[in-house]
N, C-alpha and C. Protein backbone atom coordinates (compact mmCIF):
# COMPACT_ATOMS: atom_id res chain seq x y z
N MET A 1 -20.61 -57.02 44.73
CA MET A 1 -19.32 -57.33 45.75
C MET A 1 -19.13 -56.15 46.34
N LYS A 2 -19.40 -56.18 47.86
CA LYS A 2 -19.58 -55.18 49.15
C LYS A 2 -18.00 -54.63 49.47
N LEU A 3 -18.04 -53.45 49.68
CA LEU A 3 -16.43 -52.93 50.03
C LEU A 3 -16.82 -52.55 51.51
N SER A 4 -15.82 -52.93 52.79
CA SER A 4 -15.95 -51.97 54.17
C SER A 4 -15.40 -50.67 54.14
N PHE A 5 -15.66 -49.76 54.78
CA PHE A 5 -16.16 -48.66 54.54
C PHE A 5 -14.12 -48.25 54.53
N LEU A 6 -13.63 -48.92 55.38
CA LEU A 6 -11.95 -48.64 55.68
C LEU A 6 -11.37 -49.38 54.01
N SER A 7 -12.16 -50.66 53.43
CA SER A 7 -11.64 -50.84 52.49
C SER A 7 -11.62 -50.11 51.21
N LEU A 8 -12.89 -48.90 51.27
CA LEU A 8 -13.07 -48.05 50.20
C LEU A 8 -12.11 -46.56 50.19
N VAL A 9 -12.09 -46.41 51.70
CA VAL A 9 -11.16 -45.35 52.18
C VAL A 9 -9.69 -45.64 51.44
N ALA A 10 -9.04 -46.98 51.88
CA ALA A 10 -7.75 -47.60 51.45
C ALA A 10 -7.80 -47.12 49.89
N LYS A 11 -8.64 -48.25 49.33
CA LYS A 11 -8.91 -47.46 47.83
C LYS A 11 -8.60 -45.91 47.58
N LEU A 12 -9.51 -45.06 47.87
CA LEU A 12 -9.77 -43.85 47.31
C LEU A 12 -8.52 -43.31 47.54
N SER A 13 -7.72 -43.53 48.71
CA SER A 13 -6.17 -43.38 49.38
C SER A 13 -5.01 -43.27 48.42
N VAL A 14 -5.21 -44.74 47.71
CA VAL A 14 -4.12 -45.17 46.75
C VAL A 14 -4.55 -44.30 45.94
N PHE A 15 -5.66 -43.90 44.73
CA PHE A 15 -6.17 -43.47 44.02
C PHE A 15 -5.50 -41.91 44.04
N LEU A 16 -5.68 -41.33 45.43
CA LEU A 16 -4.91 -39.66 45.07
C LEU A 16 -3.64 -39.72 44.95
N LEU A 17 -2.76 -40.45 45.28
CA LEU A 17 -1.52 -40.64 45.39
C LEU A 17 -0.75 -40.84 43.66
N ILE A 18 -1.91 -40.93 42.56
CA ILE A 18 -1.53 -41.53 41.30
C ILE A 18 -1.03 -39.95 40.88
N PRO A 19 0.12 -40.11 40.10
CA PRO A 19 0.20 -39.05 39.10
C PRO A 19 -0.30 -38.54 38.15
N ILE A 20 -0.15 -37.82 37.69
CA ILE A 20 -0.60 -37.45 36.42
C ILE A 20 -0.67 -37.97 35.04
N THR A 21 0.45 -38.51 35.12
CA THR A 21 0.78 -39.72 33.80
C THR A 21 -0.28 -40.79 33.99
N PHE A 22 -0.79 -41.19 34.99
CA PHE A 22 -1.37 -42.80 35.17
C PHE A 22 -2.60 -41.97 34.79
N ILE A 23 -3.04 -41.11 34.86
CA ILE A 23 -5.02 -40.91 34.62
C ILE A 23 -5.05 -41.05 33.10
N SER A 24 -3.80 -40.45 32.56
CA SER A 24 -4.55 -40.69 30.91
C SER A 24 -4.39 -42.42 30.50
N HIS A 25 -3.34 -42.83 31.41
CA HIS A 25 -3.43 -44.46 31.25
C HIS A 25 -4.67 -45.34 31.56
N SER A 26 -5.23 -44.60 32.71
CA SER A 26 -6.80 -45.25 33.00
C SER A 26 -7.54 -45.39 31.87
N TYR A 27 -7.50 -44.26 31.00
CA TYR A 27 -8.66 -44.29 29.69
C TYR A 27 -8.54 -45.28 28.79
N ALA A 28 -7.02 -45.74 28.70
CA ALA A 28 -6.79 -46.83 27.92
C ALA A 28 -7.30 -48.34 28.31
N SER A 29 -7.30 -48.67 29.64
CA SER A 29 -7.75 -49.78 30.09
C SER A 29 -9.03 -50.05 30.55
N SER A 30 -9.53 -51.36 30.66
CA SER A 30 -11.32 -51.32 31.08
C SER A 30 -11.40 -50.39 32.10
N CYS A 31 -12.62 -49.91 31.78
CA CYS A 31 -13.75 -49.14 32.69
C CYS A 31 -13.90 -49.93 33.99
N SER A 32 -13.83 -50.74 34.43
CA SER A 32 -14.12 -51.75 35.38
C SER A 32 -13.09 -51.45 36.51
N HIS A 33 -13.22 -50.88 37.78
CA HIS A 33 -12.31 -50.46 38.91
C HIS A 33 -11.95 -51.87 39.43
N ASP A 34 -10.61 -51.74 39.92
CA ASP A 34 -10.14 -53.53 40.23
C ASP A 34 -9.09 -52.71 41.56
N GLU A 35 -8.38 -54.07 42.03
CA GLU A 35 -7.63 -53.54 43.59
C GLU A 35 -6.58 -52.85 42.76
N GLU A 36 -6.00 -52.28 41.78
CA GLU A 36 -4.82 -51.81 41.20
C GLU A 36 -5.24 -50.17 41.14
N GLY A 37 -6.98 -49.93 41.35
CA GLY A 37 -7.21 -48.42 41.07
C GLY A 37 -8.46 -48.51 40.07
N PHE A 38 -8.37 -47.02 40.13
CA PHE A 38 -9.90 -46.84 39.33
C PHE A 38 -9.66 -46.20 37.66
N ASN A 39 -10.28 -46.77 37.07
CA ASN A 39 -10.31 -46.79 35.56
C ASN A 39 -11.70 -45.98 35.13
N CYS A 40 -10.69 -45.06 33.46
CA CYS A 40 -11.92 -43.99 33.51
C CYS A 40 -12.61 -43.02 34.17
N VAL A 41 -11.61 -42.86 34.80
CA VAL A 41 -11.67 -41.54 35.59
C VAL A 41 -11.63 -40.40 34.83
N GLU A 42 -12.70 -39.41 34.79
CA GLU A 42 -13.04 -38.29 34.28
C GLU A 42 -12.49 -36.80 34.53
N TYR A 43 -11.84 -36.32 34.13
CA TYR A 43 -11.22 -34.93 34.26
C TYR A 43 -12.24 -34.17 34.43
N VAL A 44 -12.33 -33.53 35.39
CA VAL A 44 -13.29 -32.14 35.70
C VAL A 44 -12.82 -30.64 35.28
N ARG A 45 -11.87 -30.68 36.03
CA ARG A 45 -11.40 -28.85 35.87
C ARG A 45 -9.93 -29.24 36.82
N THR A 46 -8.92 -28.18 36.52
CA THR A 46 -8.02 -27.60 37.21
C THR A 46 -7.97 -26.72 38.03
N TYR A 47 -7.77 -27.00 39.55
CA TYR A 47 -7.86 -25.58 40.56
C TYR A 47 -6.25 -24.87 40.48
N ASP A 48 -5.26 -25.55 40.32
CA ASP A 48 -4.00 -25.16 40.04
C ASP A 48 -2.71 -25.77 39.63
N GLY A 49 -1.79 -25.69 39.61
CA GLY A 49 -0.45 -26.24 38.88
C GLY A 49 -0.38 -27.55 39.66
N ASP A 50 -1.16 -27.98 40.76
CA ASP A 50 -0.90 -29.03 41.66
C ASP A 50 -2.05 -29.53 42.41
N THR A 51 -2.70 -29.32 41.88
CA THR A 51 -4.54 -29.75 42.30
C THR A 51 -5.51 -29.91 41.00
N PHE A 52 -6.20 -30.67 40.65
CA PHE A 52 -7.08 -31.02 39.73
C PHE A 52 -8.22 -31.82 40.42
N PHE A 53 -9.40 -31.72 39.52
CA PHE A 53 -10.67 -32.37 40.16
C PHE A 53 -10.92 -33.48 39.20
N VAL A 54 -11.72 -34.79 39.99
CA VAL A 54 -11.77 -35.76 38.57
C VAL A 54 -12.99 -35.98 39.42
N ASP A 55 -13.89 -37.27 38.33
CA ASP A 55 -15.30 -37.83 38.74
C ASP A 55 -14.77 -39.30 38.53
N ILE A 56 -15.38 -40.22 39.34
CA ILE A 56 -15.11 -41.65 39.19
C ILE A 56 -16.41 -42.23 38.76
N PRO A 57 -16.21 -43.13 37.81
CA PRO A 57 -17.60 -43.20 37.29
C PRO A 57 -17.72 -44.89 38.15
N GLY A 58 -19.04 -44.83 38.70
CA GLY A 58 -19.50 -46.28 39.19
C GLY A 58 -19.12 -46.11 40.60
N VAL A 59 -18.76 -44.87 41.08
CA VAL A 59 -18.49 -44.28 42.62
C VAL A 59 -19.32 -43.74 42.99
N HIS A 60 -20.02 -44.27 44.02
CA HIS A 60 -21.31 -42.76 44.77
C HIS A 60 -20.81 -41.64 44.75
N SER A 61 -21.55 -40.89 44.60
CA SER A 61 -21.54 -39.52 44.03
C SER A 61 -20.43 -38.67 45.35
N PHE A 62 -20.78 -38.89 46.51
CA PHE A 62 -20.36 -38.71 47.66
C PHE A 62 -18.90 -38.72 47.86
N PHE A 63 -18.38 -40.16 47.22
CA PHE A 63 -16.55 -40.34 46.98
C PHE A 63 -16.12 -39.94 45.82
N GLY A 64 -16.97 -40.39 44.36
CA GLY A 64 -16.48 -40.01 43.48
C GLY A 64 -17.04 -38.76 42.71
N SER A 65 -17.32 -38.30 42.61
CA SER A 65 -17.98 -36.58 42.37
C SER A 65 -17.16 -35.55 42.49
N SER A 66 -16.64 -35.36 41.50
CA SER A 66 -15.57 -33.94 41.80
C SER A 66 -14.59 -33.98 43.01
N ILE A 67 -13.69 -35.00 43.09
CA ILE A 67 -12.85 -35.45 43.92
C ILE A 67 -11.71 -34.78 43.42
N SER A 68 -10.99 -33.99 44.79
CA SER A 68 -10.07 -33.09 44.44
C SER A 68 -8.41 -33.93 44.86
N VAL A 69 -7.84 -33.70 43.25
CA VAL A 69 -6.34 -34.76 43.76
C VAL A 69 -5.24 -33.85 43.73
N ARG A 70 -4.41 -34.18 44.75
CA ARG A 70 -3.34 -33.13 44.84
C ARG A 70 -1.80 -33.74 44.76
N VAL A 71 -1.26 -33.40 43.21
CA VAL A 71 -0.43 -34.14 42.78
C VAL A 71 1.40 -34.37 43.81
N ARG A 72 1.21 -35.28 44.24
CA ARG A 72 2.38 -35.56 45.49
C ARG A 72 3.71 -35.17 44.58
N GLY A 73 4.67 -34.39 45.80
CA GLY A 73 5.58 -34.01 45.33
C GLY A 73 5.93 -32.67 44.24
N ILE A 74 4.45 -32.02 44.06
CA ILE A 74 4.48 -30.82 43.38
C ILE A 74 4.09 -29.81 43.96
N ASP A 75 4.81 -28.70 44.04
CA ASP A 75 4.20 -27.38 44.81
C ASP A 75 4.51 -26.43 44.25
N THR A 76 3.43 -25.98 43.53
CA THR A 76 3.33 -24.90 42.60
C THR A 76 2.50 -23.52 43.31
N GLY A 77 2.51 -22.26 43.02
CA GLY A 77 2.09 -21.18 43.55
C GLY A 77 0.76 -21.28 43.66
N GLU A 78 -0.42 -21.04 44.23
CA GLU A 78 -1.83 -21.03 44.51
C GLU A 78 -2.24 -19.84 43.52
N VAL A 79 -3.46 -20.12 42.66
CA VAL A 79 -3.93 -19.45 42.01
C VAL A 79 -4.35 -18.18 42.82
N THR A 80 -5.12 -18.73 43.92
CA THR A 80 -6.45 -17.89 44.69
C THR A 80 -5.43 -17.79 46.16
N ASN A 81 -4.85 -16.91 46.58
CA ASN A 81 -4.01 -17.17 47.96
C ASN A 81 -4.47 -15.51 48.44
N ARG A 82 -4.94 -15.45 50.02
CA ARG A 82 -5.17 -13.78 50.07
C ARG A 82 -3.67 -13.47 51.22
N GLN A 83 -2.98 -14.04 50.80
CA GLN A 83 -1.29 -13.23 51.48
C GLN A 83 -0.69 -12.80 50.16
N PRO A 84 -0.21 -11.71 50.82
CA PRO A 84 0.55 -10.89 49.98
C PRO A 84 1.49 -11.51 48.90
N ARG A 85 1.48 -11.35 47.84
CA ARG A 85 2.45 -12.36 46.63
C ARG A 85 3.25 -10.96 45.62
N THR A 86 4.16 -11.43 44.88
CA THR A 86 4.65 -10.91 44.21
C THR A 86 3.95 -10.65 42.80
N GLN A 87 4.03 -9.95 41.59
CA GLN A 87 3.49 -9.75 40.47
C GLN A 87 3.96 -11.57 39.72
N CYS A 88 5.31 -11.67 39.90
CA CYS A 88 5.85 -12.86 39.08
C CYS A 88 5.14 -14.09 39.99
N GLU A 89 5.02 -14.46 41.19
CA GLU A 89 4.64 -15.54 42.21
C GLU A 89 2.92 -15.66 41.13
N ILE A 90 2.19 -14.20 40.91
CA ILE A 90 0.64 -14.76 40.31
C ILE A 90 0.82 -15.06 39.17
N GLU A 91 1.82 -14.67 38.18
CA GLU A 91 2.16 -15.06 36.87
C GLU A 91 2.58 -16.35 36.86
N MET A 92 3.64 -17.01 37.53
CA MET A 92 3.89 -18.11 37.28
C MET A 92 2.42 -18.96 37.99
N ALA A 93 2.10 -19.07 39.04
CA ALA A 93 1.12 -19.83 39.20
C ALA A 93 -0.24 -19.76 38.00
N HIS A 94 -0.42 -18.79 37.59
CA HIS A 94 -1.39 -18.88 36.16
C HIS A 94 -0.72 -19.99 35.16
N MET A 95 0.33 -19.48 35.17
CA MET A 95 1.35 -20.41 33.80
C MET A 95 1.53 -21.78 34.21
N ALA A 96 1.33 -22.25 35.66
CA ALA A 96 1.36 -23.77 36.00
C ALA A 96 -0.23 -24.28 35.67
N LYS A 97 -1.10 -23.48 36.26
CA LYS A 97 -2.57 -23.97 35.84
C LYS A 97 -2.76 -24.15 34.62
N ALA A 98 -2.32 -23.39 33.41
CA ALA A 98 -2.69 -23.29 32.10
C ALA A 98 -1.88 -24.44 31.71
N GLU A 99 -0.63 -24.88 32.27
CA GLU A 99 0.19 -26.20 31.73
C GLU A 99 -0.48 -27.29 31.92
N VAL A 100 -1.26 -27.59 33.46
CA VAL A 100 -2.22 -28.97 33.68
C VAL A 100 -2.92 -28.74 33.04
N GLU A 101 -3.81 -27.71 32.62
CA GLU A 101 -5.36 -27.58 32.29
C GLU A 101 -4.77 -28.38 30.23
N ARG A 102 -3.67 -27.81 29.85
CA ARG A 102 -3.14 -28.22 28.34
C ARG A 102 -2.77 -29.82 28.31
N LEU A 103 -2.35 -29.95 29.58
CA LEU A 103 -1.80 -31.61 29.74
C LEU A 103 -3.09 -32.55 29.45
N PHE A 104 -4.04 -32.22 30.17
CA PHE A 104 -5.44 -32.89 30.31
C PHE A 104 -5.86 -32.70 29.13
N GLU A 105 -6.25 -31.52 28.67
CA GLU A 105 -7.04 -31.29 27.10
C GLU A 105 -6.18 -32.42 26.28
N ASN A 106 -4.90 -32.68 26.09
CA ASN A 106 -4.17 -33.59 25.13
C ASN A 106 -4.23 -34.62 25.27
N ALA A 107 -4.49 -35.17 26.83
CA ALA A 107 -4.54 -36.29 26.94
C ALA A 107 -5.30 -37.25 26.28
N ASN A 108 -5.17 -38.68 26.64
CA ASN A 108 -6.40 -39.46 25.56
C ASN A 108 -6.73 -40.30 26.82
């Protein structure tokens, strides 16, 4: 089945809005992608408390390799930031990142 470029972009944009809680559900379902979303998404790494990277198996690496996902509605401190910050902001940013990493490490 061939997808048009706009259809693929629409499907990717829907995926990018999926909260973290649905990522673990994807592993439990079938690995074939469907109109509802992508399945068997592989967690790659965490950038900070509201951004992480995933691989989407079965999707060309240009679109599916190390895709940055920003969680909608969550805004944590940036781990890497060139603007002046307080020590508290820096510590909270690292704590948020560690919590997201912990959630993915314990996900099924």
